Amino acid sequence: METIISLCKRRGFIFPGSDIYGGLANSWDYGPLGVALKNAIKNEWWKMFVQKRLDMVGIDAALLMNPRVWEASGHVATFTDPLIECASCHARFRDDHVTKEDDGSWKCGACGKKNGKTVARQFNLMLKTFLGPAEEQANTVYFRPETAQAMFVDFKAILETTRKRLPFGVAQIGKAFRNEITPGNFIFRTREFEQMEIEYFVRENEWEEHFEHWLTQVKAWINHLGVHPEHVHYVEIADEDRAHYSKRTVDVEYDYPFGQKELYGLAYRGNYDLTQHADHSGKDLVYTDPDNQSDKFLPHVIEPSFGVDRTVLVALLEAYHEEQVGDETRIVMKFPFWMAPVTVAILPLSKKEPLTELAQKIAQHLGGDFRVEYDETQSIGKRYRRQDEIGTPFCVTVDFDSLEDKSVTVRHRDTMEQERVLIDNLATYIAEKMKG
């Protein structure tokens, strides 16, 4: 993890948040390469799960919602973690994250002192704020702890405006907030994070086949990310550990450097959420079959949930490679081509015109179709190594021969092989290579 964190800061993937002011615990900013990587992942997810499907629509809901939403969903009453506190240094931990002795005592992970048996208290994970000029209880609102509820609250409006028939799904990519007791492990667990989530509405008697379909789709997405199959585990959650409304939940877990932990989740939520919101709002959220007006019911839901930040972390871990090249070690990020934050680097062999003028024209031309970086500093060898370290699939070297033969040298990241390609054919050549 330290190697990845160092690389991220050094190359502009992810920086510590508020760094010049001493930082803010577990706050991270995505830098120029990080935001390009994250956007590539989000765009590809949207393309795969929304754009290419006729049974999907999308929304982008507000971060702040009427607090009654969270009362109806159960978050106000039950969205809690067990909290314990060290009697010596007052550091706080989740009760289920500390190792206890047979007598119930535990050792503080911060100061190392032993604590006696402590009664855990429930700590609500929602972040609250206030609307209006006065910080009064009546003005209390919450930053959403998940993106799902807006898709249930907007269900009737989506149904009426899109005229979708069951089965169909609603997708959303957006921020969520949780006041985690013990955030950490870089971007794995933070208080501010981003989700890519789907609520797929089905008939109750068809939920099992749709669950299997979405499990297959989750596996296809993980494969598309380039994740090694041996690093992923599909864990069936036992009856006693599932939410009370769920008949089946599968957690997708990954072998992080700090252990096997959750990456994604797939849950069958029944019609619990629509039932709750219908009861609390007094609104009719029933679905009516267009072909049979007497067939009215509250749909059931399959929920595939994908964390954006955890996807970025896994992408970084999977891509990182060290290779021995002669007497030196080459660090190379072998992202899938579609994911790489920079697709093509344009590298003029000299800073002199007309070479730089030609190189800039090539960069501008390719910029309409690919993520392009232009770099004319340092030796060509050092520039190659930098592009390897940020995962750029193709380096295009513009040399003095390019002025005469109208060709450039294309270097391939994974093999380091080089080919001479006509400038007029360059965009087509890269597009074909991107397809694999």
Protein backbone atom coordinates (compact mmCIF):
# COMPACT_ATOMS: atom_id res chain seq x y z
CA MET A 1 0.00 0.00 0.00
CA GLU A 2 2.82 2.43 0.81
CA THR A 3 4.27 1.86 -2.68
CA ILE A 4 0.92 2.64 -4.32
CA ILE A 5 0.27 5.68 -2.10
CA SER A 6 3.75 7.04 -2.89
CA LEU A 7 3.24 6.53 -6.61
CA CYS A 8 -0.16 8.21 -6.48
CA LYS A 9 1.23 11.31 -4.79
CA ARG A 10 4.39 11.47 -6.90
CA ARG A 11 2.65 11.16 -10.24
CA GLY A 12 -0.54 13.08 -9.55
CA PHE A 13 -3.13 10.35 -9.13
CA ILE A 14 -4.25 11.08 -5.56
CA PHE A 15 -3.08 13.71 -3.05
CA PRO A 16 -3.74 14.04 0.71
CA GLY A 17 -6.62 16.47 1.18
CA SER A 18 -5.90 19.96 2.58
CA ASP A 19 -2.22 19.01 2.61
CA ILE A 20 -0.71 22.51 2.98
CA TYR A 21 -2.80 22.99 6.14
CA GLY A 22 -1.67 19.74 7.70
CA GLY A 23 -4.34 17.65 6.03
CA LEU A 24 -7.68 16.29 7.16
CA ALA A 25 -7.79 12.71 8.37
CA ASN A 26 -8.75 10.28 5.60
CA SER A 27 -9.44 13.03 3.11
CA TRP A 28 -8.05 12.55 -0.39
CA ASP A 29 -8.06 14.67 -3.56
CA TYR A 30 -7.91 13.15 -7.02
CA GLY A 31 -5.16 14.86 -9.02
CA PRO A 32 -4.92 15.33 -12.80
CA LEU A 33 -4.22 11.66 -13.52
CA GLY A 34 -6.53 10.41 -10.78
CA VAL A 35 -9.56 12.28 -12.05
CA ALA A 36 -8.86 11.05 -15.59
CA LEU A 37 -8.64 7.46 -14.28
CA LYS A 38 -11.80 7.81 -12.20
CA ASN A 39 -13.75 9.43 -15.04
CA ALA A 40 -12.67 6.69 -17.44
CA ILE A 41 -13.99 4.07 -15.00
CA LYS A 42 -17.29 5.90 -14.43
CA ASN A 43 -17.82 6.51 -18.15
CA GLU A 44 -17.11 2.88 -18.99
CA TRP A 45 -19.47 1.67 -16.25
CA TRP A 46 -22.23 3.94 -17.52
CA LYS A 47 -21.64 2.79 -21.07
CA MET A 48 -21.76 -0.88 -20.08
CA PHE A 49 -24.71 -0.79 -17.67
CA VAL A 50 -26.87 2.05 -18.99
CA GLN A 51 -26.01 3.19 -22.49
CA LYS A 52 -25.80 -0.29 -24.02
CA ARG A 53 -28.99 -1.56 -22.36
CA LEU A 54 -32.58 -0.80 -23.38
CA ASP A 55 -33.91 -1.65 -19.92
CA MET A 56 -31.94 1.00 -18.01
CA VAL A 57 -32.32 4.73 -17.32
CA GLY A 58 -30.27 7.09 -15.18
CA ILE A 59 -30.79 9.86 -12.66
CA ASP A 60 -28.62 12.32 -10.75
CA ALA A 61 -30.32 13.12 -7.45
CA ALA A 62 -29.58 15.77 -4.83
CA LEU A 63 -27.14 15.10 -2.00
CA LEU A 64 -29.59 16.54 0.52
CA MET A 65 -33.07 15.05 0.83
CA ASN A 66 -36.07 15.59 3.08
CA PRO A 67 -35.07 14.02 6.44
CA ARG A 68 -38.28 11.97 6.38
CA VAL A 69 -36.66 9.91 3.60
CA TRP A 70 -34.09 8.63 6.09
CA GLU A 71 -36.74 8.01 8.74
CA ALA A 72 -38.68 5.87 6.25
CA SER A 73 -35.58 3.97 5.10
CA GLY A 74 -34.60 3.18 8.70
CA HIS A 75 -31.31 5.08 8.59
CA VAL A 76 -32.19 7.49 11.41
CA ALA A 77 -33.03 4.64 13.79
CA THR A 78 -30.72 1.83 12.74
CA PHE A 79 -27.81 3.11 10.60
CA THR A 80 -25.30 2.69 13.41
CA ASP A 81 -22.02 1.06 14.36
CA PRO A 82 -21.01 -0.09 17.89
CA LEU A 83 -18.56 2.46 19.34
CA ILE A 84 -16.07 1.98 22.19
CA GLU A 85 -13.58 4.47 23.58
CA CYS A 86 -10.15 4.04 25.18
CA ALA A 87 -10.23 5.18 28.81
CA SER A 88 -6.65 6.48 28.59
CA CYS A 89 -6.31 8.36 25.29
CA HIS A 90 -10.00 8.51 24.34
CA ALA A 91 -9.36 7.09 20.85
CA ARG A 92 -12.53 5.61 19.41
CA PHE A 93 -12.94 2.28 17.67
CA ARG A 94 -15.67 0.07 16.29
CA ASP A 95 -16.41 -2.57 18.88
CA ASP A 96 -16.30 -5.34 16.25
CA HIS A 97 -12.88 -4.16 14.97
CA VAL A 98 -10.89 -4.74 18.17
CA THR A 99 -9.50 -8.03 19.46
CA LYS A 100 -10.77 -8.88 22.92
CA GLU A 101 -9.50 -11.21 25.61
CA ASP A 102 -11.68 -13.88 27.20
CA ASP A 103 -12.56 -11.49 30.02
CA GLY A 104 -13.76 -8.86 27.52
CA SER A 105 -10.77 -6.53 27.92
CA TRP A 106 -8.97 -5.09 24.88
CA LYS A 107 -5.78 -3.22 24.02
CA CYS A 108 -6.02 0.24 22.46
CA GLY A 109 -4.59 0.44 18.96
CA ALA A 110 -3.57 4.07 19.52
CA CYS A 111 -1.81 4.18 22.91
CA GLY A 112 -1.33 0.45 23.52
CA LYS A 113 -2.89 0.47 27.00
CA LYS A 114 -5.23 -2.28 28.12
CA ASN A 115 -8.87 -1.39 28.71
CA GLY A 116 -11.34 -3.25 30.81
CA LYS A 117 -14.64 -4.52 29.47
CA THR A 118 -16.44 -1.64 27.81
CA VAL A 119 -20.09 -1.37 26.93
CA ALA A 120 -20.43 -0.30 23.31
CA ARG A 121 -22.83 2.47 22.40
CA GLN A 122 -24.48 2.85 19.02
CA PHE A 123 -23.06 5.61 16.85
CA ASN A 124 -25.16 6.90 13.92
CA LEU A 125 -23.09 7.10 10.76
CA MET A 126 -25.03 9.83 8.99
CA LEU A 127 -23.44 13.27 8.61
CA LYS A 128 -25.86 16.02 9.54
CA THR A 129 -26.02 19.68 8.69
CA PHE A 130 -28.55 22.51 9.01
CA LEU A 131 -30.61 24.38 6.46
CA GLY A 132 -31.70 27.95 7.05
CA PRO A 133 -30.38 30.70 9.32
CA ALA A 134 -30.77 28.88 12.65
CA GLU A 135 -29.19 25.65 13.83
CA GLU A 136 -32.39 24.26 15.21
CA GLN A 137 -33.60 20.68 15.28
CA ALA A 138 -36.36 21.51 12.79
CA ASN A 139 -33.71 22.48 10.23
CA THR A 140 -31.61 19.32 10.53
CA VAL A 141 -30.87 17.51 7.27
CA TYR A 142 -28.46 14.72 6.39
CA PHE A 143 -25.91 14.24 3.65
CA ARG A 144 -27.09 11.07 1.95
CA PRO A 145 -25.35 7.93 3.29
CA GLU A 146 -26.16 6.06 0.07
CA THR A 147 -27.41 6.84 -3.43
CA ALA A 148 -30.14 4.18 -3.46
CA GLN A 149 -33.01 5.97 -1.71
CA ALA A 150 -33.46 8.66 -4.35
CA MET A 151 -34.11 5.94 -6.92
CA PHE A 152 -36.95 4.62 -4.78
CA VAL A 153 -38.34 8.07 -3.97
CA ASP A 154 -38.28 9.01 -7.67
CA PHE A 155 -39.64 5.62 -8.80
CA LYS A 156 -43.13 6.85 -9.72
CA ALA A 157 -41.84 9.93 -11.56
CA ILE A 158 -39.35 7.81 -13.51
CA LEU A 159 -42.07 5.31 -14.37
CA GLU A 160 -44.47 7.99 -15.60
CA THR A 161 -41.91 9.90 -17.68
CA THR A 162 -40.06 6.98 -19.28
CA ARG A 163 -43.04 4.57 -19.62
CA LYS A 164 -40.70 1.68 -18.86
CA ARG A 165 -42.09 -1.78 -18.32
CA LEU A 166 -40.84 -4.32 -15.83
CA PRO A 167 -38.16 -5.45 -15.59
CA PHE A 168 -36.19 -2.20 -15.77
CA GLY A 169 -33.47 -0.50 -13.80
CA VAL A 170 -32.41 2.93 -12.59
CA ALA A 171 -28.72 3.78 -12.35
CA GLN A 172 -26.91 6.59 -10.59
CA ILE A 173 -23.32 7.65 -10.01
CA GLY A 174 -22.82 10.04 -7.12
CA LYS A 175 -21.31 10.99 -3.80
CA ALA A 176 -22.38 9.60 -0.45
CA PHE A 177 -21.21 10.40 3.08
CA ARG A 178 -20.75 8.30 6.21
CA ASN A 179 -19.29 9.43 9.50
CA GLU A 180 -17.15 6.31 9.80
CA ILE A 181 -15.64 5.59 13.22
CA THR A 182 -12.50 4.00 11.79
CA PRO A 183 -11.86 5.12 8.21
CA GLY A 184 -8.52 4.23 6.67
CA ASN A 185 -6.44 2.14 4.29
CA PHE A 186 -6.02 5.00 1.83
CA ILE A 187 -9.17 5.41 -0.30
CA PHE A 188 -10.68 2.08 0.78
CA ARG A 189 -12.83 3.57 3.55
CA THR A 190 -13.43 7.32 3.66
CA ARG A 191 -16.17 9.56 4.99
CA GLU A 192 -16.83 10.98 1.53
CA PHE A 193 -17.00 8.47 -1.30
CA GLU A 194 -18.64 7.83 -4.65
CA GLN A 195 -20.98 5.01 -5.68
CA MET A 196 -22.11 3.52 -8.97
CA GLU A 197 -25.41 1.90 -8.11
CA ILE A 198 -28.40 0.24 -9.78
CA GLU A 199 -31.89 -0.51 -8.51
CA TYR A 200 -33.41 -3.10 -10.86
CA PHE A 201 -37.19 -3.49 -10.48
CA VAL A 202 -38.68 -6.95 -11.07
CA ARG A 203 -41.68 -9.15 -10.30
CA GLU A 204 -41.30 -11.07 -7.04
CA ASN A 205 -41.54 -14.49 -8.71
CA GLU A 206 -38.71 -13.56 -11.11
CA TRP A 207 -36.16 -12.23 -8.63
CA GLU A 208 -33.92 -15.31 -8.65
CA GLU A 209 -33.29 -15.29 -12.40
CA HIS A 210 -32.58 -11.56 -12.34
CA PHE A 211 -30.24 -11.99 -9.39
CA GLU A 212 -28.22 -14.56 -11.34
CA HIS A 213 -28.19 -12.26 -14.38
CA TRP A 214 -26.77 -9.38 -12.37
CA LEU A 215 -24.22 -11.61 -10.68
CA THR A 216 -23.02 -12.56 -14.16
CA GLN A 217 -22.89 -8.87 -15.12
CA VAL A 218 -20.85 -7.99 -12.02
CA LYS A 219 -18.37 -10.74 -12.91
CA ALA A 220 -18.16 -9.44 -16.49
CA TRP A 221 -17.40 -5.93 -15.22
CA ILE A 222 -14.66 -7.20 -12.90
CA ASN A 223 -13.13 -9.12 -15.80
CA HIS A 224 -13.33 -5.96 -17.95
CA LEU A 225 -11.38 -4.12 -15.24
CA GLY A 226 -8.54 -6.57 -15.74
CA VAL A 227 -8.74 -7.99 -12.20
CA HIS A 228 -7.07 -11.38 -11.78
CA PRO A 229 -9.77 -13.98 -10.96
CA GLU A 230 -7.74 -15.39 -8.07
CA HIS A 231 -7.88 -12.02 -6.30
CA VAL A 232 -11.71 -11.97 -6.16
CA HIS A 233 -14.07 -13.93 -3.89
CA TYR A 234 -17.86 -14.18 -4.09
CA VAL A 235 -19.15 -14.57 -0.56
CA GLU A 236 -22.72 -15.68 0.13
CA ILE A 237 -23.92 -13.82 3.21
CA ALA A 238 -25.53 -16.08 5.82
CA ASP A 239 -29.18 -15.63 6.81
CA GLU A 240 -28.34 -14.22 10.22
CA ASP A 241 -25.98 -11.60 8.74
CA ARG A 242 -28.27 -10.32 6.00
CA ALA A 243 -30.64 -7.38 6.24
CA HIS A 244 -34.06 -8.51 7.45
CA TYR A 245 -35.69 -7.76 4.08
CA SER A 246 -33.14 -9.67 1.98
CA LYS A 247 -33.40 -13.28 0.86
CA ARG A 248 -29.96 -13.27 -0.75
CA THR A 249 -26.84 -11.11 -0.64
CA VAL A 250 -23.47 -11.75 -2.27
CA ASP A 251 -20.46 -9.66 -1.27
CA VAL A 252 -17.68 -9.41 -3.82
CA GLU A 253 -14.43 -9.35 -1.85
CA TYR A 254 -10.90 -8.59 -3.02
CA ASP A 255 -7.46 -9.52 -1.70
CA TYR A 256 -6.16 -6.08 -0.72
CA PRO A 257 -2.68 -5.74 0.82
CA PHE A 258 -4.45 -5.31 4.18
CA GLY A 259 -6.63 -8.41 3.79
CA GLN A 260 -9.73 -9.78 2.08
CA LYS A 261 -12.34 -7.03 2.20
CA GLU A 262 -15.47 -5.96 0.36
CA LEU A 263 -15.27 -4.47 -3.12
CA TYR A 264 -18.86 -4.66 -4.40
CA GLY A 265 -22.21 -5.95 -3.23
CA LEU A 266 -25.26 -7.58 -4.83
CA ALA A 267 -28.46 -7.73 -2.81
CA TYR A 268 -32.07 -8.73 -3.24
CA ARG A 269 -33.94 -6.03 -1.30
CA GLY A 270 -37.48 -7.33 -1.85
CA ASN A 271 -40.01 -4.47 -1.97
CA TYR A 272 -39.01 -3.17 1.46
CA ASP A 273 -37.95 0.30 0.29
CA LEU A 274 -40.96 1.05 -1.89
CA THR A 275 -43.23 -0.22 0.88
CA GLN A 276 -41.58 2.04 3.47
CA HIS A 277 -41.73 5.14 1.27
CA ALA A 278 -45.33 4.47 0.25
CA ASP A 279 -46.33 4.10 3.92
CA HIS A 280 -44.41 7.14 5.19
CA SER A 281 -45.25 9.50 2.32
CA GLY A 282 -48.82 8.39 1.78
CA LYS A 283 -48.16 8.27 -1.97
CA ASP A 284 -49.15 5.48 -4.34
CA LEU A 285 -45.97 3.80 -5.63
CA VAL A 286 -47.74 0.77 -7.10
CA TYR A 287 -46.76 -0.48 -10.56
CA THR A 288 -49.64 -1.25 -12.93
CA ASP A 289 -49.07 -3.69 -15.77
CA PRO A 290 -49.93 -1.77 -18.99
CA ASP A 291 -51.37 -4.95 -20.52
CA ASN A 292 -53.42 -5.91 -17.48
CA GLN A 293 -54.74 -2.94 -15.48
CA SER A 294 -55.85 -5.19 -12.64
CA ASP A 295 -52.27 -6.42 -12.15
CA LYS A 296 -51.01 -3.94 -9.55
CA PHE A 297 -48.13 -4.47 -7.12
CA LEU A 298 -45.01 -2.99 -5.56
CA PRO A 299 -42.01 -4.27 -7.55
CA HIS A 300 -39.13 -6.09 -5.90
CA VAL A 301 -35.55 -4.94 -6.34
CA ILE A 302 -32.14 -6.37 -7.20
CA GLU A 303 -29.35 -3.98 -6.20
CA PRO A 304 -25.82 -4.20 -7.67
CA SER A 305 -23.63 -1.66 -5.84
CA PHE A 306 -20.15 -0.61 -7.00
CA GLY A 307 -17.80 1.69 -5.09
CA VAL A 308 -15.95 4.11 -7.39
CA ASP A 309 -13.04 4.73 -5.03
CA ARG A 310 -12.55 1.05 -4.28
CA THR A 311 -12.63 0.35 -8.02
CA VAL A 312 -9.87 2.95 -8.49
CA LEU A 313 -7.84 1.35 -5.69
CA VAL A 314 -8.19 -2.14 -7.16
CA ALA A 315 -7.33 -0.81 -10.63
CA LEU A 316 -4.12 0.71 -9.23
CA LEU A 317 -3.19 -2.46 -7.35
CA GLU A 318 -3.84 -4.71 -10.36
CA ALA A 319 -1.98 -2.43 -12.78
CA TYR A 320 1.23 -2.04 -10.74
CA HIS A 321 4.16 -4.06 -12.08
CA GLU A 322 7.92 -3.98 -11.55
CA GLU A 323 10.06 -5.42 -14.35
CA GLN A 324 13.80 -5.84 -14.68
CA VAL A 325 15.08 -4.19 -17.86
CA GLY A 326 18.83 -4.55 -18.10
CA ASP A 327 20.33 -3.07 -14.95
CA GLU A 328 17.27 -1.06 -13.95
CA THR A 329 13.80 -1.74 -12.61
CA ARG A 330 10.97 -0.51 -14.76
CA ILE A 331 7.78 0.48 -12.94
CA VAL A 332 4.83 0.16 -15.29
CA MET A 333 1.10 0.56 -14.68
CA LYS A 334 -0.56 -1.93 -17.01
CA PHE A 335 -4.05 -0.48 -17.04
CA PRO A 336 -6.48 -1.84 -19.63
CA PHE A 337 -6.14 0.52 -22.58
CA TRP A 338 -9.65 2.01 -22.13
CA MET A 339 -8.87 2.88 -18.51
CA ALA A 340 -5.45 4.52 -18.83
CA PRO A 341 -5.55 8.17 -17.71
CA VAL A 342 -3.37 9.07 -20.71
CA THR A 343 -3.89 7.09 -23.90
CA VAL A 344 -1.22 8.66 -26.08
CA ALA A 345 1.87 10.68 -25.18
CA ILE A 346 3.33 12.89 -27.91
CA LEU A 347 7.08 13.25 -27.42
CA PRO A 348 9.10 15.47 -29.80
CA LEU A 349 12.74 14.42 -29.89
CA SER A 350 13.83 18.06 -29.69
CA LYS A 351 12.39 21.29 -28.31
CA LYS A 352 13.24 23.07 -31.55
CA GLU A 353 10.81 24.13 -34.24
CA PRO A 354 9.55 22.95 -36.66
CA LEU A 355 9.64 19.64 -34.73
CA THR A 356 7.60 20.96 -31.79
CA GLU A 357 5.12 22.59 -34.16
CA LEU A 358 4.49 19.26 -35.91
CA ALA A 359 4.25 17.39 -32.59
CA GLN A 360 1.71 19.87 -31.23
CA LYS A 361 -0.43 19.56 -34.35
CA ILE A 362 -0.44 15.76 -33.93
CA ALA A 363 -1.39 16.14 -30.25
CA GLN A 364 -4.26 18.50 -31.06
CA HIS A 365 -5.53 16.21 -33.81
CA LEU A 366 -5.51 13.10 -31.59
CA GLY A 367 -7.00 14.99 -28.64
CA GLY A 368 -10.46 14.77 -30.17
CA ASP A 369 -10.52 10.98 -29.86
CA PHE A 370 -8.01 10.06 -27.15
CA ARG A 371 -6.66 11.30 -23.81
CA VAL A 372 -3.42 12.94 -24.94
CA GLU A 373 -0.40 14.33 -23.12
CA TYR A 374 2.32 16.44 -24.72
CA ASP A 375 5.80 16.31 -23.16
CA GLU A 376 9.02 17.81 -24.48
CA THR A 377 11.11 17.89 -21.29
CA GLN A 378 14.06 15.63 -20.32
CA SER A 379 15.62 12.84 -22.36
CA ILE A 380 13.41 10.54 -24.39
CA GLY A 381 14.36 7.61 -22.12
CA LYS A 382 13.22 9.43 -18.99
CA ARG A 383 10.01 10.46 -20.71
CA TYR A 384 9.34 6.83 -21.66
CA ARG A 385 9.82 5.77 -18.05
CA ARG A 386 7.46 8.47 -16.79
CA GLN A 387 4.78 7.37 -19.24
CA ASP A 388 5.30 3.74 -18.18
CA GLU A 389 4.79 4.77 -14.56
CA ILE A 390 1.46 6.46 -15.29
CA GLY A 391 0.30 3.64 -17.57
CA THR A 392 0.26 5.31 -20.99
CA PRO A 393 -0.30 2.58 -23.64
CA PHE A 394 1.28 4.44 -26.59
CA CYS A 395 4.19 6.85 -26.81
CA VAL A 396 4.53 8.69 -30.14
CA THR A 397 8.01 10.02 -30.82
CA VAL A 398 8.27 12.80 -33.40
CA ASP A 399 11.83 12.96 -34.76
CA PHE A 400 13.59 14.90 -37.51
CA ASP A 401 12.84 12.13 -40.03
CA SER A 402 9.15 12.81 -39.37
CA LEU A 403 9.53 16.11 -41.23
CA GLU A 404 10.56 14.22 -44.36
CA ASP A 405 8.76 10.84 -44.32
CA LYS A 406 5.60 12.09 -42.52
CA SER A 407 5.84 9.16 -40.08
CA VAL A 408 6.33 8.80 -36.33
CA THR A 409 7.60 6.05 -34.02
CA VAL A 410 4.97 4.41 -31.81
CA ARG A 411 6.27 2.67 -28.68
CA HIS A 412 4.04 0.10 -26.96
CA ARG A 413 3.91 0.21 -23.16
CA ASP A 414 3.65 -3.52 -22.40
CA THR A 415 6.25 -4.84 -24.84
CA MET A 416 8.38 -1.69 -25.38
CA GLU A 417 8.38 -2.59 -29.09
CA GLN A 418 8.43 0.26 -31.60
CA GLU A 419 6.76 0.70 -34.97
CA ARG A 420 6.97 3.33 -37.66
CA VAL A 421 3.50 4.67 -38.57
CA LEU A 422 2.38 7.31 -41.07
CA ILE A 423 1.02 10.41 -39.36
CA ASP A 424 -2.13 10.28 -41.51
CA ASN A 425 -2.78 6.71 -40.30
CA LEU A 426 -1.95 7.33 -36.64
CA ALA A 427 -5.48 7.85 -35.27
CA THR A 428 -6.80 4.74 -37.03
CA TYR A 429 -3.75 2.72 -35.94
CA ILE A 430 -4.25 3.64 -32.24
CA ALA A 431 -8.01 3.04 -32.42
CA GLU A 432 -7.43 -0.46 -33.78
CA LYS A 433 -4.85 -1.22 -31.08
CA MET A 434 -7.28 0.04 -28.42
CA LYS A 435 -9.77 -2.62 -29.49
CA GLY A 436 -7.21 -5.28 -28.63
